[in-house]
Amino acid sequence: MSNAIESQKVADEKKGWKGLLVAAVLSVLFLVIFYLAIENEPDYMPSKQQETNQTSFKNSPVMSKEALAEAEKQRLATTESQAADTGMKNMQQAATETHSEHSAH
């Protein structure tokens, strides 16, 4: 009987060492993945966004003076046309209100 008990203890010890080895390997694997996740910040983190904005500003192309002048002309033309459209709408609205006041009397 003592042979059976001893062989059982040896088998249990082997299982224990195997379990300990598996736990150690899994722990190391988890720690490596965790370390990599911490070191590589995703793009949506605030510190990464500031870094990206600074580098994109430095790398942005500079427009020539002629291109800037043309862009300003186009912006002014767009602003003037929007102002003219707004003025026309206001005049039409005023005319409609005046016409409705006259027909109400």
PDB file of N, CA and C in Angstrom:
ATOM      1  N   MET A   1       0.808  -1.179   0.000  1.00  0.00           N
ATOM      2  CA  MET A   1       0.000   0.000   0.000  1.00  0.00           C
ATOM      3  C   MET A   1       0.859   1.254   0.000  1.00  0.00           C
ATOM      4  N   SER A   2       1.947   1.207   0.658  1.00  0.00           N
ATOM      5  CA  SER A   2       2.786   2.391   0.707  1.00  0.00           C
ATOM      6  C   SER A   2       3.337   2.719  -0.673  1.00  0.00           C
ATOM      7  N   ASN A   3       3.515   1.699  -1.513  1.00  0.00           N
ATOM      8  CA  ASN A   3       3.945   1.944  -2.886  1.00  0.00           C
ATOM      9  C   ASN A   3       2.893   2.740  -3.643  1.00  0.00           C
ATOM     10  N   ALA A   4       1.647   2.414  -3.469  1.00  0.00           N
ATOM     11  CA  ALA A   4       0.545   3.110  -4.143  1.00  0.00           C
ATOM     12  C   ALA A   4       0.452   4.545  -3.642  1.00  0.00           C
ATOM     13  N   ILE A   5       0.628   4.740  -2.365  1.00  0.00           N
ATOM     14  CA  ILE A   5       0.557   6.079  -1.778  1.00  0.00           C
ATOM     15  C   ILE A   5       1.730   6.923  -2.276  1.00  0.00           C
ATOM     16  N   GLU A   6       2.923   6.321  -2.327  1.00  0.00           N
ATOM     17  CA  GLU A   6       4.098   7.058  -2.794  1.00  0.00           C
ATOM     18  C   GLU A   6       3.974   7.421  -4.274  1.00  0.00           C
ATOM     19  N   SER A   7       3.493   6.491  -5.064  1.00  0.00           N
ATOM     20  CA  SER A   7       3.340   6.785  -6.499  1.00  0.00           C
ATOM     21  C   SER A   7       2.286   7.869  -6.710  1.00  0.00           C
ATOM     22  N   GLN A   8       1.270   7.890  -5.853  1.00  0.00           N
ATOM     23  CA  GLN A   8       0.245   8.938  -5.935  1.00  0.00           C
ATOM     24  C   GLN A   8       0.842  10.295  -5.589  1.00  0.00           C
ATOM     25  N   LYS A   9       1.704  10.333  -4.559  1.00  0.00           N
ATOM     26  CA  LYS A   9       2.349  11.590  -4.185  1.00  0.00           C
ATOM     27  C   LYS A   9       3.246  12.094  -5.316  1.00  0.00           C
ATOM     28  N   VAL A  10       3.996  11.208  -5.956  1.00  0.00           N
ATOM     29  CA  VAL A  10       4.870  11.586  -7.056  1.00  0.00           C
ATOM     30  C   VAL A  10       4.041  12.133  -8.211  1.00  0.00           C
ATOM     31  N   ALA A  11       2.926  11.481  -8.516  1.00  0.00           N
ATOM     32  CA  ALA A  11       2.042  11.937  -9.601  1.00  0.00           C
ATOM     33  C   ALA A  11       1.454  13.299  -9.267  1.00  0.00           C
ATOM     34  N   ASP A  12       1.066  13.503  -8.021  1.00  0.00           N
ATOM     35  CA  ASP A  12       0.518  14.798  -7.605  1.00  0.00           C
ATOM     36  C   ASP A  12       1.571  15.901  -7.702  1.00  0.00           C
ATOM     37  N   GLU A  13       2.827  15.576  -7.308  1.00  0.00           N
ATOM     38  CA  GLU A  13       3.889  16.560  -7.408  1.00  0.00           C
ATOM     39  C   GLU A  13       4.161  16.940  -8.858  1.00  0.00           C
ATOM     40  N   LYS A  14       4.114  15.977  -9.768  1.00  0.00           N
ATOM     41  CA  LYS A  14       4.321  16.262 -11.187  1.00  0.00           C
ATOM     42  C   LYS A  14       3.205  17.156 -11.718  1.00  0.00           C
ATOM     43  N   LYS A  15       1.989  16.850 -11.288  1.00  0.00           N
ATOM     44  CA  LYS A  15       0.863  17.695 -11.702  1.00  0.00           C
ATOM     45  C   LYS A  15       1.039  19.112 -11.160  1.00  0.00           C
ATOM     46  N   GLY A  16       1.515  19.230  -9.958  1.00  0.00           N
ATOM     47  CA  GLY A  16       1.730  20.538  -9.343  1.00  0.00           C
ATOM     48  C   GLY A  16       2.769  21.352 -10.100  1.00  0.00           C
ATOM     49  N   TRP A  17       3.874  20.699 -10.477  1.00  0.00           N
ATOM     50  CA  TRP A  17       4.916  21.394 -11.231  1.00  0.00           C
ATOM     51  C   TRP A  17       4.425  21.784 -12.612  1.00  0.00           C
ATOM     52  N   LYS A  18       3.639  20.902 -13.234  1.00  0.00           N
ATOM     53  CA  LYS A  18       3.084  21.224 -14.554  1.00  0.00           C
ATOM     54  C   LYS A  18       2.146  22.422 -14.451  1.00  0.00           C
ATOM     55  N   GLY A  19       1.318  22.428 -13.425  1.00  0.00           N
ATOM     56  CA  GLY A  19       0.392  23.543 -13.221  1.00  0.00           C
ATOM     57  C   GLY A  19       1.128  24.846 -12.957  1.00  0.00           C
ATOM     58  N   LEU A  20       2.183  24.743 -12.164  1.00  0.00           N
ATOM     59  CA  LEU A  20       2.986  25.918 -11.855  1.00  0.00           C
ATOM     60  C   LEU A  20       3.676  26.444 -13.110  1.00  0.00           C
ATOM     61  N   LEU A  21       4.173  25.560 -13.944  1.00  0.00           N
ATOM     62  CA  LEU A  21       4.826  25.950 -15.185  1.00  0.00           C
ATOM     63  C   LEU A  21       3.824  26.612 -16.141  1.00  0.00           C
ATOM     64  N   VAL A  22       2.639  26.048 -16.276  1.00  0.00           N
ATOM     65  CA  VAL A  22       1.606  26.630 -17.141  1.00  0.00           C
ATOM     66  C   VAL A  22       1.203  28.006 -16.624  1.00  0.00           C
ATOM     67  N   ALA A  23       1.019  28.146 -15.321  1.00  0.00           N
ATOM     68  CA  ALA A  23       0.654  29.433 -14.727  1.00  0.00           C
ATOM     69  C   ALA A  23       1.753  30.467 -14.956  1.00  0.00           C
ATOM     70  N   ALA A  24       3.012  30.059 -14.852  1.00  0.00           N
ATOM     71  CA  ALA A  24       4.121  30.991 -15.063  1.00  0.00           C
ATOM     72  C   ALA A  24       4.162  31.457 -16.517  1.00  0.00           C
ATOM     73  N   VAL A  25       3.992  30.529 -17.459  1.00  0.00           N
ATOM     74  CA  VAL A  25       4.004  30.894 -18.876  1.00  0.00           C
ATOM     75  C   VAL A  25       2.852  31.836 -19.202  1.00  0.00           C
ATOM     76  N   LEU A  26       1.667  31.541 -18.705  1.00  0.00           N
ATOM     77  CA  LEU A  26       0.517  32.411 -18.952  1.00  0.00           C
ATOM     78  C   LEU A  26       0.697  33.788 -18.313  1.00  0.00           C
ATOM     79  N   SER A  27       1.303  33.824 -17.144  1.00  0.00           N
ATOM     80  CA  SER A  27       1.551  35.112 -16.478  1.00  0.00           C
ATOM     81  C   SER A  27       2.530  35.957 -17.272  1.00  0.00           C
ATOM     82  N   VAL A  28       3.594  35.354 -17.745  1.00  0.00           N
ATOM     83  CA  VAL A  28       4.580  36.090 -18.538  1.00  0.00           C
ATOM     84  C   VAL A  28       3.935  36.590 -19.830  1.00  0.00           C
ATOM     85  N   LEU A  29       3.147  35.757 -20.473  1.00  0.00           N
ATOM     86  CA  LEU A  29       2.457  36.156 -21.700  1.00  0.00           C
ATOM     87  C   LEU A  29       1.522  37.343 -21.440  1.00  0.00           C
ATOM     88  N   PHE A  30       0.782  37.278 -20.356  1.00  0.00           N
ATOM     89  CA  PHE A  30      -0.122  38.384 -20.003  1.00  0.00           C
ATOM     90  C   PHE A  30       0.662  39.662 -19.755  1.00  0.00           C
ATOM     91  N   LEU A  31       1.760  39.572 -19.013  1.00  0.00           N
ATOM     92  CA  LEU A  31       2.549  40.764 -18.707  1.00  0.00           C
ATOM     93  C   LEU A  31       3.161  41.372 -19.968  1.00  0.00           C
ATOM     94  N   VAL A  32       3.595  40.539 -20.902  1.00  0.00           N
ATOM     95  CA  VAL A  32       4.159  41.053 -22.155  1.00  0.00           C
ATOM     96  C   VAL A  32       3.088  41.789 -22.946  1.00  0.00           C
ATOM     97  N   ILE A  33       1.895  41.199 -23.063  1.00  0.00           N
ATOM     98  CA  ILE A  33       0.802  41.856 -23.789  1.00  0.00           C
ATOM     99  C   ILE A  33       0.403  43.151 -23.096  1.00  0.00           C
ATOM    100  N   PHE A  34       0.349  43.130 -21.774  1.00  0.00           N
ATOM    101  CA  PHE A  34      -0.012  44.322 -21.007  1.00  0.00           C
ATOM    102  C   PHE A  34       1.027  45.428 -21.209  1.00  0.00           C
ATOM    103  N   TYR A  35       2.296  45.076 -21.206  1.00  0.00           N
ATOM    104  CA  TYR A  35       3.367  46.053 -21.413  1.00  0.00           C
ATOM    105  C   TYR A  35       3.259  46.674 -22.799  1.00  0.00           C
ATOM    106  N   LEU A  36       3.033  45.850 -23.804  1.00  0.00           N
ATOM    107  CA  LEU A  36       2.902  46.370 -25.169  1.00  0.00           C
ATOM    108  C   LEU A  36       1.684  47.282 -25.304  1.00  0.00           C
ATOM    109  N   ALA A  37       0.604  46.942 -24.625  1.00  0.00           N
ATOM    110  CA  ALA A  37      -0.592  47.777 -24.687  1.00  0.00           C
ATOM    111  C   ALA A  37      -0.351  49.134 -24.040  1.00  0.00           C
ATOM    112  N   ILE A  38       0.420  49.171 -22.994  1.00  0.00           N
ATOM    113  CA  ILE A  38       0.703  50.442 -22.319  1.00  0.00           C
ATOM    114  C   ILE A  38       1.671  51.290 -23.141  1.00  0.00           C
ATOM    115  N   GLU A  39       2.670  50.671 -23.718  1.00  0.00           N
ATOM    116  CA  GLU A  39       3.684  51.411 -24.471  1.00  0.00           C
ATOM    117  C   GLU A  39       3.133  52.014 -25.764  1.00  0.00           C
ATOM    118  N   ASN A  40       2.227  51.347 -26.432  1.00  0.00           N
ATOM    119  CA  ASN A  40       1.686  51.817 -27.704  1.00  0.00           C
ATOM    120  C   ASN A  40       0.329  52.470 -27.473  1.00  0.00           C
ATOM    121  N   GLU A  41       0.332  53.786 -27.225  1.00  0.00           N
ATOM    122  CA  GLU A  41      -0.921  54.487 -26.975  1.00  0.00           C
ATOM    123  C   GLU A  41      -1.712  54.588 -28.264  1.00  0.00           C
ATOM    124  N   PRO A  42      -3.028  54.366 -28.193  1.00  0.00           N
ATOM    125  CA  PRO A  42      -3.845  54.496 -29.397  1.00  0.00           C
ATOM    126  C   PRO A  42      -3.979  55.955 -29.827  1.00  0.00           C
ATOM    127  N   ASP A  43      -4.412  56.174 -31.063  1.00  0.00           N
ATOM    128  CA  ASP A  43      -4.498  57.518 -31.629  1.00  0.00           C
ATOM    129  C   ASP A  43      -5.510  58.403 -30.915  1.00  0.00           C
ATOM    130  N   TYR A  44      -6.503  57.797 -30.276  1.00  0.00           N
ATOM    131  CA  TYR A  44      -7.550  58.611 -29.655  1.00  0.00           C
ATOM    132  C   TYR A  44      -7.185  59.121 -28.264  1.00  0.00           C
ATOM    133  N   MET A  45      -6.006  58.773 -27.756  1.00  0.00           N
ATOM    134  CA  MET A  45      -5.589  59.286 -26.460  1.00  0.00           C
ATOM    135  C   MET A  45      -5.205  60.765 -26.603  1.00  0.00           C
ATOM    136  N   PRO A  46      -5.536  61.597 -25.617  1.00  0.00           N
ATOM    137  CA  PRO A  46      -5.267  63.039 -25.726  1.00  0.00           C
ATOM    138  C   PRO A  46      -3.803  63.372 -25.994  1.00  0.00           C
ATOM    139  N   SER A  47      -2.880  62.700 -25.354  1.00  0.00           N
ATOM    140  CA  SER A  47      -1.464  63.011 -25.569  1.00  0.00           C
ATOM    141  C   SER A  47      -1.056  62.685 -27.003  1.00  0.00           C
ATOM    142  N   LYS A  48      -1.603  61.635 -27.563  1.00  0.00           N
ATOM    143  CA  LYS A  48      -1.282  61.253 -28.936  1.00  0.00           C
ATOM    144  C   LYS A  48      -1.907  62.250 -29.917  1.00  0.00           C
ATOM    145  N   GLN A  49      -3.107  62.764 -29.600  1.00  0.00           N
ATOM    146  CA  GLN A  49      -3.764  63.740 -30.477  1.00  0.00           C
ATOM    147  C   GLN A  49      -2.956  65.030 -30.525  1.00  0.00           C
ATOM    148  N   GLN A  50      -2.466  65.502 -29.391  1.00  0.00           N
ATOM    149  CA  GLN A  50      -1.661  66.720 -29.371  1.00  0.00           C
ATOM    150  C   GLN A  50      -0.390  66.521 -30.185  1.00  0.00           C
ATOM    151  N   GLU A  51       0.217  65.359 -30.045  1.00  0.00           N
ATOM    152  CA  GLU A  51       1.442  65.064 -30.781  1.00  0.00           C
ATOM    153  C   GLU A  51       1.153  65.043 -32.280  1.00  0.00           C
ATOM    154  N   THR A  52       0.033  64.452 -32.671  1.00  0.00           N
ATOM    155  CA  THR A  52      -0.338  64.375 -34.083  1.00  0.00           C
ATOM    156  C   THR A  52      -0.643  65.761 -34.633  1.00  0.00           C
ATOM    157  N   ASN A  53      -1.341  66.595 -33.868  1.00  0.00           N
ATOM    158  CA  ASN A  53      -1.656  67.946 -34.328  1.00  0.00           C
ATOM    159  C   ASN A  53      -0.390  68.770 -34.532  1.00  0.00           C
ATOM    160  N   GLN A  54       0.566  68.635 -33.636  1.00  0.00           N
ATOM    161  CA  GLN A  54       1.801  69.401 -33.756  1.00  0.00           C
ATOM    162  C   GLN A  54       2.594  68.962 -34.984  1.00  0.00           C
ATOM    163  N   THR A  55       2.664  67.673 -35.225  1.00  0.00           N
ATOM    164  CA  THR A  55       3.439  67.208 -36.375  1.00  0.00           C
ATOM    165  C   THR A  55       2.723  67.531 -37.673  1.00  0.00           C
ATOM    166  N   SER A  56       1.397  67.480 -37.693  1.00  0.00           N
ATOM    167  CA  SER A  56       0.695  67.794 -38.938  1.00  0.00           C
ATOM    168  C   SER A  56       0.802  69.289 -39.245  1.00  0.00           C
ATOM    169  N   PHE A  57       0.839  70.125 -38.214  1.00  0.00           N
ATOM    170  CA  PHE A  57       1.002  71.556 -38.439  1.00  0.00           C
ATOM    171  C   PHE A  57       2.384  71.845 -39.012  1.00  0.00           C
ATOM    172  N   LYS A  58       3.383  71.165 -38.494  1.00  0.00           N
ATOM    173  CA  LYS A  58       4.741  71.371 -38.987  1.00  0.00           C
ATOM    174  C   LYS A  58       4.886  70.875 -40.425  1.00  0.00           C
ATOM    175  N   ASN A  59       4.175  69.827 -40.773  1.00  0.00           N
ATOM    176  CA  ASN A  59       4.304  69.220 -42.097  1.00  0.00           C
ATOM    177  C   ASN A  59       3.318  69.793 -43.112  1.00  0.00           C
ATOM    178  N   SER A  60       2.456  70.713 -42.695  1.00  0.00           N
ATOM    179  CA  SER A  60       1.446  71.223 -43.613  1.00  0.00           C
ATOM    180  C   SER A  60       2.104  72.089 -44.691  1.00  0.00           C
ATOM    181  N   PRO A  61       1.595  71.989 -45.915  1.00  0.00           N
ATOM    182  CA  PRO A  61       2.199  72.781 -46.993  1.00  0.00           C
ATOM    183  C   PRO A  61       1.869  74.259 -46.827  1.00  0.00           C
ATOM    184  N   VAL A  62       2.777  75.107 -47.272  1.00  0.00           N
ATOM    185  CA  VAL A  62       2.591  76.544 -47.195  1.00  0.00           C
ATOM    186  C   VAL A  62       2.121  77.034 -48.561  1.00  0.00           C
ATOM    187  N   MET A  63       1.067  77.870 -48.573  1.00  0.00           N
ATOM    188  CA  MET A  63       0.540  78.380 -49.837  1.00  0.00           C
ATOM    189  C   MET A  63       1.393  79.551 -50.316  1.00  0.00           C
ATOM    190  N   SER A  64       1.497  79.688 -51.620  1.00  0.00           N
ATOM    191  CA  SER A  64       2.230  80.816 -52.180  1.00  0.00           C
ATOM    192  C   SER A  64       1.395  82.086 -52.017  1.00  0.00           C
ATOM    193  N   LYS A  65       2.026  83.244 -52.197  1.00  0.00           N
ATOM    194  CA  LYS A  65       1.300  84.512 -52.052  1.00  0.00           C
ATOM    195  C   LYS A  65       0.208  84.630 -53.097  1.00  0.00           C
ATOM    196  N   GLU A  66       0.463  84.121 -54.306  1.00  0.00           N
ATOM    197  CA  GLU A  66      -0.555  84.182 -55.364  1.00  0.00           C
ATOM    198  C   GLU A  66      -1.759  83.316 -54.989  1.00  0.00           C
ATOM    199  N   ALA A  67      -1.496  82.136 -54.444  1.00  0.00           N
ATOM    200  CA  ALA A  67      -2.583  81.233 -54.055  1.00  0.00           C
ATOM    201  C   ALA A  67      -3.390  81.834 -52.902  1.00  0.00           C
ATOM    202  N   LEU A  68      -2.695  82.476 -51.949  1.00  0.00           N
ATOM    203  CA  LEU A  68      -3.399  83.125 -50.839  1.00  0.00           C
ATOM    204  C   LEU A  68      -4.281  84.269 -51.350  1.00  0.00           C
ATOM    205  N   ALA A  69      -3.776  85.062 -52.296  1.00  0.00           N
ATOM    206  CA  ALA A  69      -4.541  86.167 -52.848  1.00  0.00           C
ATOM    207  C   ALA A  69      -5.774  85.639 -53.582  1.00  0.00           C
ATOM    208  N   GLU A  70      -5.610  84.564 -54.341  1.00  0.00           N
ATOM    209  CA  GLU A  70      -6.744  83.978 -55.066  1.00  0.00           C
ATOM    210  C   GLU A  70      -7.780  83.425 -54.098  1.00  0.00           C
ATOM    211  N   ALA A  71      -7.343  82.775 -53.029  1.00  0.00           N
ATOM    212  CA  ALA A  71      -8.263  82.241 -52.031  1.00  0.00           C
ATOM    213  C   ALA A  71      -9.032  83.373 -51.352  1.00  0.00           C
ATOM    214  N   GLU A  72      -8.360  84.483 -51.083  1.00  0.00           N
ATOM    215  CA  GLU A  72      -9.025  85.635 -50.462  1.00  0.00           C
ATOM    216  C   GLU A  72     -10.064  86.223 -51.406  1.00  0.00           C
ATOM    217  N   LYS A  73      -9.741  86.307 -52.702  1.00  0.00           N
ATOM    218  CA  LYS A  73     -10.712  86.809 -53.677  1.00  0.00           C
ATOM    219  C   LYS A  73     -11.947  85.926 -53.723  1.00  0.00           C
ATOM    220  N   GLN A  74     -11.731  84.623 -53.730  1.00  0.00           N
ATOM    221  CA  GLN A  74     -12.865  83.691 -53.768  1.00  0.00           C
ATOM    222  C   GLN A  74     -13.695  83.800 -52.503  1.00  0.00           C
ATOM    223  N   ARG A  75     -13.038  83.980 -51.364  1.00  0.00           N
ATOM    224  CA  ARG A  75     -13.780  84.110 -50.105  1.00  0.00           C
ATOM    225  C   ARG A  75     -14.621  85.378 -50.108  1.00  0.00           C
ATOM    226  N   LEU A  76     -14.042  86.477 -50.587  1.00  0.00           N
ATOM    227  CA  LEU A  76     -14.782  87.741 -50.652  1.00  0.00           C
ATOM    228  C   LEU A  76     -15.958  87.634 -51.615  1.00  0.00           C
ATOM    229  N   ALA A  77     -15.751  86.991 -52.754  1.00  0.00           N
ATOM    230  CA  ALA A  77     -16.827  86.824 -53.726  1.00  0.00           C
ATOM    231  C   ALA A  77     -17.952  85.993 -53.136  1.00  0.00           C
ATOM    232  N   THR A  78     -17.609  84.953 -52.404  1.00  0.00           N
ATOM    233  CA  THR A  78     -18.615  84.104 -51.768  1.00  0.00           C
ATOM    234  C   THR A  78     -19.378  84.891 -50.710  1.00  0.00           C
ATOM    235  N   THR A  79     -18.663  85.686 -49.921  1.00  0.00           N
ATOM    236  CA  THR A  79     -19.309  86.493 -48.883  1.00  0.00           C
ATOM    237  C   THR A  79     -20.262  87.511 -49.510  1.00  0.00           C
ATOM    238  N   GLU A  80     -19.822  88.151 -50.591  1.00  0.00           N
ATOM    239  CA  GLU A  80     -20.671  89.142 -51.258  1.00  0.00           C
ATOM    240  C   GLU A  80     -21.917  88.496 -51.856  1.00  0.00           C
ATOM    241  N   SER A  81     -21.764  87.333 -52.462  1.00  0.00           N
ATOM    242  CA  SER A  81     -22.928  86.677 -53.055  1.00  0.00           C
ATOM    243  C   SER A  81     -23.901  86.221 -51.968  1.00  0.00           C
ATOM    244  N   GLN A  82     -23.382  85.791 -50.821  1.00  0.00           N
ATOM    245  CA  GLN A  82     -24.262  85.402 -49.722  1.00  0.00           C
ATOM    246  C   GLN A  82     -24.993  86.621 -49.175  1.00  0.00           C
ATOM    247  N   ALA A  83     -24.303  87.754 -49.078  1.00  0.00           N
ATOM    248  CA  ALA A  83     -24.934  88.978 -48.594  1.00  0.00           C
ATOM    249  C   ALA A  83     -26.012  89.431 -49.573  1.00  0.00           C
ATOM    250  N   ALA A  84     -25.743  89.312 -50.881  1.00  0.00           N
ATOM    251  CA  ALA A  84     -26.733  89.705 -51.889  1.00  0.00           C
ATOM    252  C   ALA A  84     -27.955  88.800 -51.806  1.00  0.00           C
ATOM    253  N   ASP A  85     -27.736  87.498 -51.618  1.00  0.00           N
ATOM    254  CA  ASP A  85     -28.853  86.559 -51.489  1.00  0.00           C
ATOM    255  C   ASP A  85     -29.693  86.886 -50.263  1.00  0.00           C
ATOM    256  N   THR A  86     -29.033  87.212 -49.163  1.00  0.00           N
ATOM    257  CA  THR A  86     -29.746  87.560 -47.937  1.00  0.00           C
ATOM    258  C   THR A  86     -30.549  88.843 -48.143  1.00  0.00           C
ATOM    259  N   GLY A  87     -29.949  89.820 -48.818  1.00  0.00           N
ATOM    260  CA  GLY A  87     -30.654  91.074 -49.090  1.00  0.00           C
ATOM    261  C   GLY A  87     -31.886  90.840 -49.960  1.00  0.00           C
ATOM    262  N   MET A  88     -31.766  89.993 -50.966  1.00  0.00           N
ATOM    263  CA  MET A  88     -32.909  89.685 -51.838  1.00  0.00           C
ATOM    264  C   MET A  88     -34.016  88.997 -51.043  1.00  0.00           C
ATOM    265  N   LYS A  89     -33.639  88.080 -50.181  1.00  0.00           N
ATOM    266  CA  LYS A  89     -34.647  87.380 -49.377  1.00  0.00           C
ATOM    267  C   LYS A  89     -35.352  88.359 -48.450  1.00  0.00           C
ATOM    268  N   ASN A  90     -34.597  89.271 -47.848  1.00  0.00           N
ATOM    269  CA  ASN A  90     -35.196  90.262 -46.955  1.00  0.00           C
ATOM    270  C   ASN A  90     -36.150  91.176 -47.727  1.00  0.00           C
ATOM    271  N   MET A  91     -35.754  91.572 -48.941  1.00  0.00           N
ATOM    272  CA  MET A  91     -36.614  92.441 -49.752  1.00  0.00           C
ATOM    273  C   MET A  91     -37.886  91.711 -50.148  1.00  0.00           C
ATOM    274  N   GLN A  92     -37.763  90.441 -50.514  1.00  0.00           N
ATOM    275  CA  GLN A  92     -38.947  89.671 -50.896  1.00  0.00           C
ATOM    276  C   GLN A  92     -39.866  89.493 -49.695  1.00  0.00           C
ATOM    277  N   GLN A  93     -39.295  89.250 -48.523  1.00  0.00           N
ATOM    278  CA  GLN A  93     -40.092  89.069 -47.317  1.00  0.00           C
ATOM    279  C   GLN A  93     -40.813  90.379 -46.968  1.00  0.00           C
ATOM    280  N   ALA A  94     -40.113  91.493 -47.079  1.00  0.00           N
ATOM    281  CA  ALA A  94     -40.719  92.785 -46.778  1.00  0.00           C
ATOM    282  C   ALA A  94     -41.850  93.080 -47.768  1.00  0.00           C
ATOM    283  N   ALA A  95     -41.627  92.751 -49.032  1.00  0.00           N
ATOM    284  CA  ALA A  95     -42.671  92.987 -50.042  1.00  0.00           C
ATOM    285  C   ALA A  95     -43.884  92.121 -49.756  1.00  0.00           C
ATOM    286  N   THR A  96     -43.670  90.901 -49.349  1.00  0.00           N
ATOM    287  CA  THR A  96     -44.782  89.996 -49.032  1.00  0.00           C
ATOM    288  C   THR A  96     -45.554  90.510 -47.826  1.00  0.00           C
ATOM    289  N   GLU A  97     -44.851  91.008 -46.816  1.00  0.00           N
ATOM    290  CA  GLU A  97     -45.505  91.537 -45.621  1.00  0.00           C
ATOM    291  C   GLU A  97     -46.309  92.786 -45.987  1.00  0.00           C
ATOM    292  N   THR A  98     -45.746  93.653 -46.801  1.00  0.00           N
ATOM    293  CA  THR A  98     -46.435  94.883 -47.208  1.00  0.00           C
ATOM    294  C   THR A  98     -47.682  94.524 -48.016  1.00  0.00           C
ATOM    295  N   HIS A  99     -47.547  93.566 -48.902  1.00  0.00           N
ATOM    296  CA  HIS A  99     -48.676  93.145 -49.741  1.00  0.00           C
ATOM    297  C   HIS A  99     -49.776  92.528 -48.868  1.00  0.00           C
ATOM    298  N   SER A 100     -49.402  91.740 -47.851  1.00  0.00           N
ATOM    299  CA  SER A 100     -50.398  91.128 -46.994  1.00  0.00           C
ATOM    300  C   SER A 100     -51.076  92.176 -46.102  1.00  0.00           C
ATOM    301  N   GLU A 101     -50.347  93.247 -45.717  1.00  0.00           N
ATOM    302  CA  GLU A 101     -50.974  94.303 -44.905  1.00  0.00           C
ATOM    303  C   GLU A 101     -51.989  95.077 -45.718  1.00  0.00           C
ATOM    304  N   HIS A 102     -51.686  95.359 -46.995  1.00  0.00           N
ATOM    305  CA  HIS A 102     -52.603  96.089 -47.855  1.00  0.00           C
ATOM    306  C   HIS A 102     -53.855  95.275 -48.159  1.00  0.00           C
ATOM    307  N   SER A 103     -53.685  93.965 -48.373  1.00  0.00           N
ATOM    308  CA  SER A 103     -54.852  93.150 -48.701  1.00  0.00           C
ATOM    309  C   SER A 103     -55.707  92.894 -47.466  1.00  0.00           C
ATOM    310  N   ALA A 104     -55.148  93.003 -46.277  1.00  0.00           N
ATOM    311  CA  ALA A 104     -55.927  92.788 -45.060  1.00  0.00           C
ATOM    312  C   ALA A 104     -56.850  93.961 -44.796  1.00  0.00           C
ATOM    313  N   HIS A 105     -56.513  95.184 -45.248  1.00  0.00           N
ATOM    314  CA  HIS A 105     -57.347  96.361 -44.979  1.00  0.00           C
ATOM    315  C   HIS A 105     -58.490  96.411 -45.874  1.00  0.00           C
TER     316      HIS A 105
END
